[in-house]
Amino acid sequence: MGLLDQCEELFKTSNLYDVIGVTKDASEAEIRRGYYKVSLQVHPDRATGDEQATAKFQALGKVYAVLSDADQRAIYDEQGVIDEESDSVDRDRNWEEYWRTMFPKITLQDILDFEKSYKDSEEEKHDLMRAYEEHKGDMDKIMENVLCATQEDEPRIRAILQCALDSKELPPHRAFTNESAKKKSVRKRKADKERKEAEEMQKEMGLDSEDSLVAMIKVRNVFGQRGVE
């Protein structure tokens, strides 16, 4: 199966730019960041044993390899095709190793710094609006697929989206404007369950401070339990 068909199957789009959440006129830096953000959600370190996540991770590596190669990108932009025989989309390539050559080892402080700069940024707003449109206002899906989102963030996230609705930047969807109290309650219970699991993991790992628990939850929010359906 060719890369474009893989993308259609895995990401519901064959547009390479849409796969990593950037526009066709994106700069090299924007393409790199788009690849980084999307690949975090399905990286093998947080999706062990998940075959679909592995397939997505490998496909993302190929997408980035094409779009980061000036010649390959030009051919794709002009003709909408990919040279499947090129080294950049080599089927036997180790895509996890490729990822690690692109990005340094990520530390907890990296994650905390990223979260601090990401929340309430234009980038977060853009991602929220994109998730809102993609999932037709379904807050369950929005909360699952936006980086760094916790249950505590939901009122803030809902307010951002409501402002975008009020300003006509987004179209209204009943799933958002008429969400039932029951659905909200189920989502909260799920979040509470995940926090309890983090607390149990904290004990198993011998972490004894609230800061350690908070840090663990933040790591999970960036790398774990995120839209790998």
N, C-alpha and C. Protein backbone atom coordinates (compact mmCIF):
# COMPACT_ATOMS: atom_id res chain seq x y z
N MET A 1 0.84 -1.20 0.00
CA MET A 1 0.00 0.00 0.00
C MET A 1 0.88 1.25 0.00
N GLY A 2 0.57 2.19 -0.89
CA GLY A 2 1.34 3.42 -0.97
C GLY A 2 1.09 4.34 0.21
N LEU A 3 1.95 5.32 0.38
CA LEU A 3 1.86 6.23 1.53
C LEU A 3 0.55 7.01 1.54
N LEU A 4 0.11 7.50 0.40
CA LEU A 4 -1.13 8.28 0.36
C LEU A 4 -2.32 7.43 0.78
N ASP A 5 -2.34 6.17 0.34
CA ASP A 5 -3.42 5.26 0.75
C ASP A 5 -3.33 4.95 2.24
N GLN A 6 -2.11 4.80 2.74
CA GLN A 6 -1.92 4.57 4.18
C GLN A 6 -2.48 5.73 4.99
N CYS A 7 -2.18 6.93 4.55
CA CYS A 7 -2.65 8.12 5.26
C CYS A 7 -4.18 8.19 5.26
N GLU A 8 -4.77 7.87 4.12
CA GLU A 8 -6.24 7.88 4.03
C GLU A 8 -6.83 6.88 5.00
N GLU A 9 -6.22 5.71 5.08
CA GLU A 9 -6.72 4.65 5.96
C GLU A 9 -6.51 4.99 7.44
N LEU A 10 -5.35 5.53 7.77
CA LEU A 10 -5.00 5.77 9.17
C LEU A 10 -5.48 7.11 9.71
N PHE A 11 -5.45 8.14 8.86
CA PHE A 11 -5.75 9.50 9.32
C PHE A 11 -6.98 10.12 8.64
N LYS A 12 -7.63 9.32 7.79
CA LYS A 12 -8.85 9.78 7.09
C LYS A 12 -8.58 10.95 6.16
N THR A 13 -7.36 11.09 5.70
CA THR A 13 -7.01 12.09 4.70
C THR A 13 -5.74 11.65 3.99
N SER A 14 -5.67 11.94 2.69
CA SER A 14 -4.45 11.61 1.94
C SER A 14 -3.60 12.86 1.73
N ASN A 15 -4.03 13.98 2.33
CA ASN A 15 -3.26 15.22 2.23
C ASN A 15 -2.16 15.21 3.28
N LEU A 16 -0.92 15.17 2.85
CA LEU A 16 0.20 15.05 3.79
C LEU A 16 0.27 16.21 4.76
N TYR A 17 -0.10 17.40 4.31
CA TYR A 17 -0.06 18.57 5.19
C TYR A 17 -1.13 18.45 6.29
N ASP A 18 -2.31 17.97 5.91
CA ASP A 18 -3.38 17.79 6.90
C ASP A 18 -2.99 16.75 7.94
N VAL A 19 -2.27 15.73 7.52
CA VAL A 19 -1.87 14.66 8.44
C VAL A 19 -1.09 15.22 9.63
N ILE A 20 -0.20 16.18 9.37
CA ILE A 20 0.60 16.73 10.47
C ILE A 20 0.09 18.11 10.91
N GLY A 21 -1.08 18.48 10.43
CA GLY A 21 -1.72 19.70 10.93
C GLY A 21 -1.09 21.01 10.53
N VAL A 22 -0.57 21.08 9.31
CA VAL A 22 0.02 22.34 8.83
C VAL A 22 -0.58 22.68 7.46
N THR A 23 -0.32 23.90 7.00
CA THR A 23 -0.82 24.32 5.69
C THR A 23 0.23 24.04 4.61
N LYS A 24 -0.20 24.13 3.36
CA LYS A 24 0.70 23.82 2.24
C LYS A 24 1.88 24.77 2.17
N ASP A 25 1.70 26.00 2.66
CA ASP A 25 2.79 26.98 2.60
C ASP A 25 3.63 26.99 3.88
N ALA A 26 3.50 25.94 4.69
CA ALA A 26 4.24 25.86 5.96
C ALA A 26 5.74 25.89 5.73
N SER A 27 6.44 26.52 6.66
CA SER A 27 7.91 26.57 6.60
C SER A 27 8.48 25.22 7.05
N GLU A 28 9.79 25.04 6.86
CA GLU A 28 10.44 23.81 7.31
C GLU A 28 10.26 23.64 8.81
N ALA A 29 10.39 24.73 9.56
CA ALA A 29 10.25 24.67 11.02
C ALA A 29 8.84 24.27 11.41
N GLU A 30 7.84 24.79 10.71
CA GLU A 30 6.45 24.46 11.01
C GLU A 30 6.15 23.00 10.69
N ILE A 31 6.72 22.50 9.63
CA ILE A 31 6.54 21.09 9.27
C ILE A 31 7.18 20.19 10.32
N ARG A 32 8.36 20.57 10.75
CA ARG A 32 9.06 19.79 11.78
C ARG A 32 8.25 19.77 13.08
N ARG A 33 7.74 20.93 13.47
CA ARG A 33 6.96 21.01 14.71
C ARG A 33 5.64 20.23 14.58
N GLY A 34 5.03 20.31 13.41
CA GLY A 34 3.79 19.56 13.20
C GLY A 34 4.03 18.06 13.33
N TYR A 35 5.09 17.59 12.72
CA TYR A 35 5.46 16.18 12.82
C TYR A 35 5.72 15.80 14.27
N TYR A 36 6.44 16.64 14.97
CA TYR A 36 6.78 16.38 16.37
C TYR A 36 5.52 16.24 17.22
N LYS A 37 4.61 17.18 17.08
CA LYS A 37 3.40 17.19 17.90
C LYS A 37 2.53 15.95 17.65
N VAL A 38 2.30 15.65 16.38
CA VAL A 38 1.42 14.52 16.06
C VAL A 38 2.07 13.19 16.41
N SER A 39 3.38 13.08 16.17
CA SER A 39 4.06 11.82 16.44
C SER A 39 4.16 11.51 17.93
N LEU A 40 4.14 12.55 18.78
CA LEU A 40 4.17 12.31 20.22
C LEU A 40 3.00 11.45 20.66
N GLN A 41 1.87 11.61 20.01
CA GLN A 41 0.66 10.91 20.42
C GLN A 41 0.72 9.41 20.16
N VAL A 42 1.56 8.99 19.22
CA VAL A 42 1.61 7.57 18.86
C VAL A 42 3.03 7.01 18.94
N HIS A 43 3.90 7.70 19.66
CA HIS A 43 5.29 7.24 19.79
C HIS A 43 5.33 5.88 20.50
N PRO A 44 6.19 4.96 20.06
CA PRO A 44 6.28 3.63 20.68
C PRO A 44 6.50 3.64 22.19
N ASP A 45 7.14 4.68 22.72
CA ASP A 45 7.38 4.75 24.16
C ASP A 45 6.09 4.84 24.95
N ARG A 46 5.00 5.31 24.33
CA ARG A 46 3.75 5.44 25.06
C ARG A 46 2.63 4.61 24.44
N ALA A 47 2.92 3.84 23.42
CA ALA A 47 1.87 3.04 22.78
C ALA A 47 2.36 1.63 22.51
N THR A 48 3.05 1.06 23.48
CA THR A 48 3.62 -0.28 23.33
C THR A 48 2.53 -1.30 23.01
N GLY A 49 2.76 -2.07 21.96
CA GLY A 49 1.82 -3.13 21.62
C GLY A 49 0.61 -2.69 20.84
N ASP A 50 0.46 -1.41 20.59
CA ASP A 50 -0.68 -0.89 19.83
C ASP A 50 -0.31 -0.87 18.35
N GLU A 51 -0.83 -1.83 17.59
CA GLU A 51 -0.43 -1.98 16.19
C GLU A 51 -0.83 -0.77 15.34
N GLN A 52 -2.01 -0.21 15.61
CA GLN A 52 -2.43 0.94 14.81
C GLN A 52 -1.56 2.16 15.11
N ALA A 53 -1.21 2.33 16.39
CA ALA A 53 -0.33 3.44 16.76
C ALA A 53 1.02 3.29 16.07
N THR A 54 1.52 2.06 16.03
CA THR A 54 2.80 1.80 15.36
C THR A 54 2.71 2.14 13.88
N ALA A 55 1.61 1.74 13.25
CA ALA A 55 1.42 2.03 11.83
C ALA A 55 1.35 3.54 11.59
N LYS A 56 0.66 4.25 12.49
CA LYS A 56 0.57 5.70 12.36
C LYS A 56 1.94 6.35 12.52
N PHE A 57 2.70 5.87 13.51
CA PHE A 57 4.03 6.43 13.77
C PHE A 57 4.92 6.26 12.54
N GLN A 58 4.89 5.07 11.94
CA GLN A 58 5.72 4.82 10.77
C GLN A 58 5.28 5.69 9.59
N ALA A 59 3.97 5.82 9.41
CA ALA A 59 3.46 6.65 8.31
C ALA A 59 3.84 8.11 8.51
N LEU A 60 3.78 8.58 9.75
CA LEU A 60 4.16 9.96 10.04
C LEU A 60 5.62 10.23 9.70
N GLY A 61 6.47 9.24 9.99
CA GLY A 61 7.88 9.38 9.65
C GLY A 61 8.06 9.55 8.15
N LYS A 62 7.31 8.78 7.37
CA LYS A 62 7.40 8.89 5.92
C LYS A 62 6.87 10.23 5.43
N VAL A 63 5.76 10.68 6.04
CA VAL A 63 5.19 11.98 5.66
C VAL A 63 6.22 13.09 5.88
N TYR A 64 6.85 13.06 7.06
CA TYR A 64 7.85 14.09 7.35
C TYR A 64 9.04 13.97 6.42
N ALA A 65 9.46 12.74 6.15
CA ALA A 65 10.61 12.53 5.26
C ALA A 65 10.35 13.13 3.88
N VAL A 66 9.13 13.00 3.39
CA VAL A 66 8.77 13.56 2.09
C VAL A 66 8.74 15.08 2.14
N LEU A 67 8.03 15.63 3.13
CA LEU A 67 7.85 17.08 3.19
C LEU A 67 9.10 17.83 3.61
N SER A 68 10.06 17.15 4.21
CA SER A 68 11.30 17.81 4.61
C SER A 68 12.37 17.72 3.52
N ASP A 69 12.07 17.00 2.46
CA ASP A 69 12.97 16.89 1.31
C ASP A 69 12.46 17.85 0.23
N ALA A 70 13.24 18.86 -0.10
CA ALA A 70 12.79 19.91 -1.02
C ALA A 70 12.32 19.35 -2.36
N ASP A 71 13.07 18.39 -2.92
CA ASP A 71 12.70 17.83 -4.22
C ASP A 71 11.41 17.01 -4.14
N GLN A 72 11.34 16.16 -3.10
CA GLN A 72 10.14 15.33 -2.92
C GLN A 72 8.91 16.20 -2.68
N ARG A 73 9.08 17.23 -1.88
CA ARG A 73 7.95 18.12 -1.57
C ARG A 73 7.48 18.83 -2.83
N ALA A 74 8.41 19.28 -3.65
CA ALA A 74 8.05 19.99 -4.88
C ALA A 74 7.24 19.08 -5.82
N ILE A 75 7.67 17.83 -5.94
CA ILE A 75 6.95 16.88 -6.79
C ILE A 75 5.55 16.64 -6.24
N TYR A 76 5.46 16.47 -4.92
CA TYR A 76 4.15 16.24 -4.30
C TYR A 76 3.24 17.45 -4.50
N ASP A 77 3.79 18.65 -4.28
CA ASP A 77 2.99 19.87 -4.42
C ASP A 77 2.48 20.06 -5.86
N GLU A 78 3.34 19.74 -6.82
CA GLU A 78 3.00 19.99 -8.23
C GLU A 78 2.14 18.88 -8.84
N GLN A 79 2.41 17.64 -8.45
CA GLN A 79 1.76 16.51 -9.11
C GLN A 79 0.87 15.67 -8.18
N GLY A 80 1.01 15.89 -6.86
CA GLY A 80 0.20 15.12 -5.93
C GLY A 80 0.60 13.66 -5.83
N VAL A 81 1.84 13.36 -6.19
CA VAL A 81 2.33 11.98 -6.13
C VAL A 81 3.60 11.91 -5.29
N ILE A 82 3.95 10.68 -4.91
CA ILE A 82 5.15 10.44 -4.10
C ILE A 82 5.98 9.37 -4.78
N ASP A 83 7.28 9.55 -4.76
CA ASP A 83 8.20 8.54 -5.30
C ASP A 83 8.38 7.47 -4.24
N GLU A 84 7.60 6.40 -4.37
CA GLU A 84 7.62 5.33 -3.37
C GLU A 84 8.94 4.56 -3.34
N GLU A 85 9.76 4.73 -4.37
CA GLU A 85 11.03 4.01 -4.44
C GLU A 85 12.18 4.81 -3.83
N SER A 86 11.91 6.01 -3.39
CA SER A 86 12.98 6.87 -2.86
C SER A 86 13.42 6.40 -1.48
N ASP A 87 14.62 6.80 -1.10
CA ASP A 87 15.16 6.44 0.21
C ASP A 87 14.32 7.03 1.34
N SER A 88 13.67 8.16 1.10
CA SER A 88 12.93 8.84 2.17
C SER A 88 11.72 8.05 2.65
N VAL A 89 11.17 7.18 1.80
CA VAL A 89 10.02 6.38 2.23
C VAL A 89 10.36 4.89 2.22
N ASP A 90 11.61 4.59 2.47
CA ASP A 90 12.08 3.21 2.53
C ASP A 90 11.26 2.42 3.55
N ARG A 91 10.62 1.35 3.09
CA ARG A 91 9.76 0.54 3.96
C ARG A 91 10.53 -0.09 5.12
N ASP A 92 11.81 -0.38 4.91
CA ASP A 92 12.59 -1.08 5.94
C ASP A 92 13.30 -0.13 6.91
N ARG A 93 13.05 1.13 6.78
CA ARG A 93 13.72 2.11 7.64
C ARG A 93 13.24 1.98 9.08
N ASN A 94 14.15 2.18 10.02
CA ASN A 94 13.78 2.17 11.44
C ASN A 94 13.26 3.55 11.79
N TRP A 95 11.92 3.71 11.84
CA TRP A 95 11.34 5.05 12.01
C TRP A 95 11.47 5.57 13.44
N GLU A 96 11.58 4.66 14.41
CA GLU A 96 11.81 5.13 15.78
C GLU A 96 13.21 5.72 15.91
N GLU A 97 14.18 5.05 15.29
CA GLU A 97 15.55 5.56 15.30
C GLU A 97 15.63 6.88 14.54
N TYR A 98 14.89 6.97 13.44
CA TYR A 98 14.84 8.20 12.65
C TYR A 98 14.30 9.35 13.50
N TRP A 99 13.24 9.07 14.27
CA TRP A 99 12.64 10.09 15.14
C TRP A 99 13.66 10.59 16.16
N ARG A 100 14.40 9.66 16.73
CA ARG A 100 15.36 10.04 17.77
C ARG A 100 16.54 10.84 17.21
N THR A 101 16.82 10.67 15.95
CA THR A 101 17.88 11.50 15.36
C THR A 101 17.36 12.92 15.11
N MET A 102 16.04 13.05 14.98
CA MET A 102 15.45 14.36 14.72
C MET A 102 15.27 15.18 15.99
N PHE A 103 14.99 14.50 17.10
CA PHE A 103 14.66 15.20 18.34
C PHE A 103 15.50 14.65 19.49
N PRO A 104 16.00 15.53 20.35
CA PRO A 104 16.79 15.08 21.50
C PRO A 104 15.91 14.35 22.50
N LYS A 105 16.56 13.66 23.43
CA LYS A 105 15.81 12.96 24.47
C LYS A 105 14.95 13.95 25.24
N ILE A 106 13.69 13.60 25.43
CA ILE A 106 12.75 14.50 26.10
C ILE A 106 12.75 14.24 27.60
N THR A 107 12.90 15.28 28.38
CA THR A 107 12.89 15.16 29.83
C THR A 107 11.57 15.67 30.38
N LEU A 108 11.33 15.39 31.65
CA LEU A 108 10.12 15.89 32.31
C LEU A 108 10.07 17.41 32.23
N GLN A 109 11.21 18.07 32.42
CA GLN A 109 11.23 19.53 32.37
C GLN A 109 10.85 20.03 30.98
N ASP A 110 11.25 19.29 29.94
CA ASP A 110 10.86 19.66 28.58
C ASP A 110 9.33 19.67 28.46
N ILE A 111 8.72 18.65 29.04
CA ILE A 111 7.26 18.53 28.97
C ILE A 111 6.59 19.66 29.73
N LEU A 112 7.09 19.94 30.92
CA LEU A 112 6.50 21.01 31.73
C LEU A 112 6.67 22.36 31.06
N ASP A 113 7.83 22.58 30.45
CA ASP A 113 8.07 23.85 29.75
C ASP A 113 7.16 23.97 28.53
N PHE A 114 6.99 22.85 27.83
CA PHE A 114 6.11 22.87 26.67
C PHE A 114 4.68 23.19 27.08
N GLU A 115 4.23 22.54 28.14
CA GLU A 115 2.86 22.78 28.61
C GLU A 115 2.67 24.25 28.99
N LYS A 116 3.64 24.82 29.67
CA LYS A 116 3.54 26.21 30.11
C LYS A 116 3.42 27.17 28.93
N SER A 117 4.20 26.92 27.89
CA SER A 117 4.17 27.81 26.72
C SER A 117 2.97 27.53 25.82
N TYR A 118 2.45 26.31 25.88
CA TYR A 118 1.37 25.90 24.98
C TYR A 118 0.00 26.39 25.44
N LYS A 119 -0.26 26.27 26.73
CA LYS A 119 -1.59 26.63 27.23
C LYS A 119 -1.84 28.13 27.08
N ASP A 120 -3.05 28.45 26.60
CA ASP A 120 -3.48 29.83 26.37
C ASP A 120 -2.71 30.51 25.24
N SER A 121 -2.07 29.71 24.41
CA SER A 121 -1.34 30.27 23.26
C SER A 121 -2.24 30.24 22.02
N GLU A 122 -1.83 30.97 20.99
CA GLU A 122 -2.56 30.93 19.72
C GLU A 122 -2.49 29.53 19.12
N GLU A 123 -1.39 28.85 19.37
CA GLU A 123 -1.23 27.48 18.85
C GLU A 123 -2.28 26.56 19.47
N GLU A 124 -2.46 26.69 20.79
CA GLU A 124 -3.47 25.86 21.45
C GLU A 124 -4.86 26.19 20.91
N LYS A 125 -5.15 27.47 20.75
CA LYS A 125 -6.46 27.86 20.22
C LYS A 125 -6.68 27.26 18.84
N HIS A 126 -5.66 27.32 18.00
CA HIS A 126 -5.75 26.74 16.65
C HIS A 126 -6.02 25.25 16.73
N ASP A 127 -5.30 24.55 17.62
CA ASP A 127 -5.49 23.11 17.77
C ASP A 127 -6.88 22.78 18.29
N LEU A 128 -7.38 23.59 19.22
CA LEU A 128 -8.72 23.38 19.77
C LEU A 128 -9.78 23.56 18.69
N MET A 129 -9.63 24.61 17.90
CA MET A 129 -10.60 24.87 16.84
C MET A 129 -10.58 23.76 15.79
N ARG A 130 -9.38 23.30 15.49
CA ARG A 130 -9.25 22.21 14.51
C ARG A 130 -9.92 20.94 15.05
N ALA A 131 -9.68 20.63 16.34
CA ALA A 131 -10.29 19.44 16.95
C ALA A 131 -11.81 19.58 17.01
N TYR A 132 -12.28 20.79 17.31
CA TYR A 132 -13.72 21.05 17.37
C TYR A 132 -14.37 20.75 16.02
N GLU A 133 -13.76 21.23 14.96
CA GLU A 133 -14.34 21.02 13.63
C GLU A 133 -14.22 19.56 13.20
N GLU A 134 -13.08 18.96 13.49
CA GLU A 134 -12.85 17.57 13.09
C GLU A 134 -13.83 16.64 13.78
N HIS A 135 -14.13 16.91 15.06
CA HIS A 135 -14.99 16.02 15.85
C HIS A 135 -16.39 16.58 16.06
N LYS A 136 -16.75 17.57 15.26
CA LYS A 136 -18.11 18.12 15.27
C LYS A 136 -18.58 18.55 16.65
N GLY A 137 -17.66 19.13 17.43
CA GLY A 137 -18.02 19.66 18.73
C GLY A 137 -18.10 18.66 19.86
N ASP A 138 -17.70 17.41 19.62
CA ASP A 138 -17.76 16.37 20.65
C ASP A 138 -16.64 16.60 21.67
N MET A 139 -17.01 17.03 22.88
CA MET A 139 -16.00 17.35 23.89
C MET A 139 -15.19 16.14 24.34
N ASP A 140 -15.78 14.95 24.30
CA ASP A 140 -15.01 13.75 24.64
C ASP A 140 -13.81 13.63 23.70
N LYS A 141 -14.07 13.75 22.41
CA LYS A 141 -13.01 13.61 21.42
C LYS A 141 -12.04 14.79 21.48
N ILE A 142 -12.57 15.97 21.72
CA ILE A 142 -11.70 17.16 21.80
C ILE A 142 -10.72 17.01 22.96
N MET A 143 -11.22 16.61 24.12
CA MET A 143 -10.37 16.46 25.30
C MET A 143 -9.35 15.34 25.12
N GLU A 144 -9.70 14.32 24.36
CA GLU A 144 -8.78 13.20 24.12
C GLU A 144 -7.65 13.57 23.17
N ASN A 145 -7.93 14.48 22.25
CA ASN A 145 -7.00 14.70 21.15
C ASN A 145 -6.21 16.00 21.21
N VAL A 146 -6.44 16.82 22.22
CA VAL A 146 -5.68 18.06 22.35
C VAL A 146 -4.60 17.87 23.41
N LEU A 147 -3.39 18.27 23.09
CA LEU A 147 -2.27 18.09 24.01
C LEU A 147 -2.48 18.83 25.32
N CYS A 148 -2.01 18.23 26.40
CA CYS A 148 -1.95 18.86 27.72
C CYS A 148 -3.32 19.11 28.36
N ALA A 149 -4.38 18.56 27.79
CA ALA A 149 -5.72 18.83 28.33
C ALA A 149 -6.04 17.91 29.50
N THR A 150 -6.43 18.50 30.63
CA THR A 150 -6.87 17.74 31.80
C THR A 150 -8.31 18.13 32.11
N GLN A 151 -8.92 17.38 33.02
CA GLN A 151 -10.28 17.70 33.43
C GLN A 151 -10.37 19.12 33.97
N GLU A 152 -9.32 19.55 34.68
CA GLU A 152 -9.30 20.90 35.25
C GLU A 152 -9.28 21.97 34.16
N ASP A 153 -8.80 21.60 32.97
CA ASP A 153 -8.73 22.56 31.86
C ASP A 153 -10.05 22.70 31.12
N GLU A 154 -10.99 21.80 31.37
CA GLU A 154 -12.19 21.79 30.54
C GLU A 154 -12.96 23.11 30.54
N PRO A 155 -13.20 23.76 31.70
CA PRO A 155 -13.91 25.05 31.65
C PRO A 155 -13.17 26.09 30.80
N ARG A 156 -11.83 26.10 30.90
CA ARG A 156 -11.03 27.04 30.12
C ARG A 156 -11.14 26.72 28.63
N ILE A 157 -11.05 25.44 28.30
CA ILE A 157 -11.14 25.02 26.90
C ILE A 157 -12.52 25.32 26.33
N ARG A 158 -13.54 25.04 27.11
CA ARG A 158 -14.91 25.32 26.66
C ARG A 158 -15.10 26.82 26.43
N ALA A 159 -14.49 27.64 27.29
CA ALA A 159 -14.61 29.09 27.15
C ALA A 159 -13.93 29.58 25.87
N ILE A 160 -12.76 29.01 25.55
CA ILE A 160 -12.05 29.37 24.33
C ILE A 160 -12.90 29.06 23.10
N LEU A 161 -13.50 27.87 23.10
CA LEU A 161 -14.33 27.46 21.97
C LEU A 161 -15.60 28.29 21.89
N GLN A 162 -16.18 28.62 23.04
CA GLN A 162 -17.40 29.42 23.04
C GLN A 162 -17.12 30.82 22.47
N CYS A 163 -15.98 31.38 22.81
CA CYS A 163 -15.59 32.69 22.26
C CYS A 163 -15.47 32.61 20.74
N ALA A 164 -14.89 31.50 20.26
CA ALA A 164 -14.75 31.32 18.81
C ALA A 164 -16.12 31.16 18.15
N LEU A 165 -17.05 30.54 18.85
CA LEU A 165 -18.42 30.42 18.34
C LEU A 165 -19.10 31.78 18.30
N ASP A 166 -18.94 32.53 19.38
CA ASP A 166 -19.57 33.85 19.47
C ASP A 166 -19.06 34.80 18.39
N SER A 167 -17.78 34.65 18.04
CA SER A 167 -17.18 35.53 17.02
C SER A 167 -17.33 34.97 15.61
N LYS A 168 -18.09 33.86 15.49
CA LYS A 168 -18.37 33.23 14.18
C LYS A 168 -17.13 32.61 13.55
N GLU A 169 -16.08 32.36 14.36
CA GLU A 169 -14.90 31.67 13.83
C GLU A 169 -15.18 30.18 13.67
N LEU A 170 -16.16 29.69 14.43
CA LEU A 170 -16.54 28.29 14.37
C LEU A 170 -18.05 28.18 14.16
N PRO A 171 -18.49 27.12 13.49
CA PRO A 171 -19.93 26.89 13.34
C PRO A 171 -20.47 26.17 14.57
N PRO A 172 -21.73 26.37 14.93
CA PRO A 172 -22.28 25.67 16.09
C PRO A 172 -22.53 24.19 15.79
N HIS A 173 -22.25 23.34 16.76
CA HIS A 173 -22.57 21.92 16.67
C HIS A 173 -23.35 21.54 17.92
N ARG A 174 -24.44 20.82 17.74
CA ARG A 174 -25.28 20.45 18.89
C ARG A 174 -24.51 19.65 19.93
N ALA A 175 -23.54 18.84 19.48
CA ALA A 175 -22.76 18.04 20.43
C ALA A 175 -22.07 18.92 21.46
N PHE A 176 -21.75 20.15 21.05
CA PHE A 176 -21.10 21.10 21.97
C PHE A 176 -22.11 21.99 22.67
N THR A 177 -23.00 22.60 21.90
CA THR A 177 -23.93 23.58 22.48
C THR A 177 -25.01 22.94 23.33
N ASN A 178 -25.32 21.65 23.08
CA ASN A 178 -26.39 20.99 23.82
C ASN A 178 -25.88 19.72 24.52
N GLU A 179 -24.63 19.73 24.94
CA GLU A 179 -24.09 18.54 25.61
C GLU A 179 -24.84 18.28 26.91
N SER A 180 -25.19 17.02 27.14
CA SER A 180 -25.97 16.67 28.33
C SER A 180 -25.10 16.63 29.58
N ALA A 181 -25.76 16.83 30.71
CA ALA A 181 -25.06 16.76 32.00
C ALA A 181 -24.52 15.35 32.23
N LYS A 182 -25.25 14.35 31.74
CA LYS A 182 -24.83 12.95 31.91
C LYS A 182 -23.51 12.70 31.19
N LYS A 183 -23.39 13.21 29.97
CA LYS A 183 -22.16 13.02 29.19
C LYS A 183 -20.98 13.70 29.88
N LYS A 184 -21.20 14.88 30.41
CA LYS A 184 -20.14 15.58 31.14
C LYS A 184 -19.71 14.79 32.37
N SER A 185 -20.71 14.21 33.06
CA SER A 185 -20.43 13.44 34.27
C SER A 185 -19.61 12.20 33.96
N VAL A 186 -19.94 11.52 32.87
CA VAL A 186 -19.19 10.32 32.46
C VAL A 186 -17.74 10.69 32.16
N ARG A 187 -17.54 11.80 31.50
CA ARG A 187 -16.18 12.25 31.17
C ARG A 187 -15.38 12.56 32.44
N LYS A 188 -16.04 13.18 33.41
CA LYS A 188 -15.37 13.51 34.67
C LYS A 188 -15.00 12.24 35.42
N ARG A 189 -15.89 11.25 35.42
CA ARG A 189 -15.60 10.00 36.12
C ARG A 189 -14.40 9.29 35.48
N LYS A 190 -14.33 9.35 34.16
CA LYS A 190 -13.20 8.74 33.46
C LYS A 190 -11.90 9.44 33.86
N ALA A 191 -11.92 10.77 33.94
CA ALA A 191 -10.72 11.53 34.32
C ALA A 191 -10.32 11.20 35.75
N ASP A 192 -11.32 11.08 36.64
CA ASP A 192 -11.03 10.73 38.03
C ASP A 192 -10.40 9.35 38.13
N LYS A 193 -10.88 8.43 37.29
CA LYS A 193 -10.32 7.08 37.27
C LYS A 193 -8.86 7.10 36.84
N GLU A 194 -8.55 7.91 35.82
CA GLU A 194 -7.17 8.01 35.35
C GLU A 194 -6.26 8.61 36.42
N ARG A 195 -6.79 9.57 37.17
CA ARG A 195 -6.00 10.16 38.25
C ARG A 195 -5.72 9.11 39.33
N LYS A 196 -6.72 8.30 39.62
CA LYS A 196 -6.53 7.25 40.62
C LYS A 196 -5.47 6.25 40.15
N GLU A 197 -5.50 5.92 38.86
CA GLU A 197 -4.49 5.01 38.31
C GLU A 197 -3.09 5.61 38.45
N ALA A 198 -3.00 6.93 38.25
CA ALA A 198 -1.71 7.61 38.39
C ALA A 198 -1.24 7.56 39.84
N GLU A 199 -2.18 7.69 40.77
CA GLU A 199 -1.83 7.62 42.19
C GLU A 199 -1.31 6.23 42.55
N GLU A 200 -1.95 5.20 41.98
CA GLU A 200 -1.50 3.83 42.24
C GLU A 200 -0.11 3.60 41.65
N MET A 201 0.12 4.15 40.47
CA MET A 201 1.44 4.04 39.85
C MET A 201 2.48 4.77 40.69
N GLN A 202 2.07 5.90 41.26
CA GLN A 202 2.96 6.68 42.11
C GLN A 202 3.45 5.82 43.28
N LYS A 203 2.52 5.09 43.89
CA LYS A 203 2.88 4.23 45.02
C LYS A 203 3.81 3.10 44.58
N GLU A 204 3.48 2.49 43.44
CA GLU A 204 4.29 1.39 42.93
C GLU A 204 5.72 1.82 42.64
N MET A 205 5.86 3.08 42.18
CA MET A 205 7.19 3.59 41.82
C MET A 205 7.91 4.22 43.01
N GLY A 206 7.22 4.25 44.16
CA GLY A 206 7.85 4.80 45.35
C GLY A 206 7.98 6.30 45.37
N LEU A 207 7.14 6.99 44.60
CA LEU A 207 7.14 8.45 44.60
C LEU A 207 6.25 8.92 45.73
N ASP A 208 6.76 9.80 46.57
CA ASP A 208 6.01 10.13 47.77
C ASP A 208 5.61 11.59 47.88
N SER A 209 5.76 12.37 46.83
CA SER A 209 5.39 13.78 46.92
C SER A 209 4.28 14.11 45.96
N GLU A 210 3.49 15.12 46.30
CA GLU A 210 2.43 15.59 45.41
C GLU A 210 3.00 16.09 44.10
N ASP A 211 4.19 16.70 44.17
CA ASP A 211 4.83 17.20 42.95
C ASP A 211 5.10 16.06 41.98
N SER A 212 5.51 14.90 42.54
CA SER A 212 5.79 13.75 41.70
C SER A 212 4.52 13.26 41.01
N LEU A 213 3.42 13.26 41.76
CA LEU A 213 2.15 12.83 41.20
C LEU A 213 1.71 13.79 40.10
N VAL A 214 1.79 15.07 40.38
CA VAL A 214 1.40 16.07 39.39
C VAL A 214 2.24 15.91 38.13
N ALA A 215 3.54 15.71 38.32
CA ALA A 215 4.44 15.55 37.17
C ALA A 215 4.05 14.33 36.35
N MET A 216 3.74 13.23 37.04
CA MET A 216 3.37 12.01 36.35
C MET A 216 2.12 12.20 35.51
N ILE A 217 1.14 12.87 36.10
CA ILE A 217 -0.11 13.12 35.38
C ILE A 217 0.15 13.99 34.16
N LYS A 218 1.03 14.98 34.32
CA LYS A 218 1.34 15.86 33.19
C LYS A 218 2.00 15.07 32.06
N VAL A 219 2.89 14.14 32.42
CA VAL A 219 3.54 13.32 31.41
C VAL A 219 2.49 12.50 30.67
N ARG A 220 1.55 11.91 31.42
CA ARG A 220 0.49 11.13 30.80
C ARG A 220 -0.35 11.99 29.86
N ASN A 221 -0.58 13.23 30.27
CA ASN A 221 -1.43 14.10 29.46
C ASN A 221 -0.78 14.46 28.13
N VAL A 222 0.54 14.52 28.09
CA VAL A 222 1.22 14.85 26.84
C VAL A 222 1.46 13.59 26.01
N PHE A 223 1.90 12.50 26.65
CA PHE A 223 2.31 11.32 25.91
C PHE A 223 1.30 10.19 25.93
N GLY A 224 0.40 10.17 26.91
CA GLY A 224 -0.44 9.01 27.05
C GLY A 224 -1.91 9.24 26.88
N GLN A 225 -2.65 8.14 26.56
CA GLN A 225 -4.10 8.16 26.46
C GLN A 225 -4.58 9.21 25.48
N ARG A 226 -3.90 9.41 24.40
CA ARG A 226 -4.29 10.47 23.46
C ARG A 226 -4.63 9.88 22.10
N GLY A 227 -5.87 10.09 21.69
CA GLY A 227 -6.37 9.80 20.36
C GLY A 227 -5.60 8.83 19.50
N VAL A 228 -5.59 7.55 19.84
CA VAL A 228 -4.93 6.57 19.00
C VAL A 228 -5.97 5.59 18.51
N GLU A 229 -7.14 6.08 18.20
CA GLU A 229 -8.22 5.20 17.83
C GLU A 229 -8.05 4.73 16.40
